[in-house]
Amino acid sequence: MNDCNIIREWDGDRALYRLSGVFDRAGAWALRAELDRENAGEVMLDFSLVRDFSDLGVAVVAHGLTEAPRRVLFRGLRQHQLRIFRYCGVSIEETSAREALASAVSPGHA
């Protein structure tokens, strides 16, 4: 059973991946497979609709991103997930970190 939904869209010139549900190990490997096939030069990962994160899932994606030749932006992450990405060697720009946290602190997020 797949509890993580991944929808790919275009947002201008960047590929936008909207994730929802539970971001677990299986969802992380599915996202990583999608990203390995991605041709866009810039990717936005939108986690704002994810209700539960697995630290292992975050680490799986993070390790895949360290080899990515593209710019990756984040949205909807909490401070803990941003820290895991950084610990795993993913460089997160200040603007991406602000955007990642902006939707995480909006009403309705714990």
Foldseek 3Di string as FASTA:
>chain_A
DDQKDWDWDDDDQEIEIEIAGEQDQVNLVVVLVVLVPDDGQEYEYEDQRYQYYDLVSLLSNLLSVQPDNHHYAYAQDDPVSVVSSVVSPHDYDPVSVCRNVPSCPPPPHD
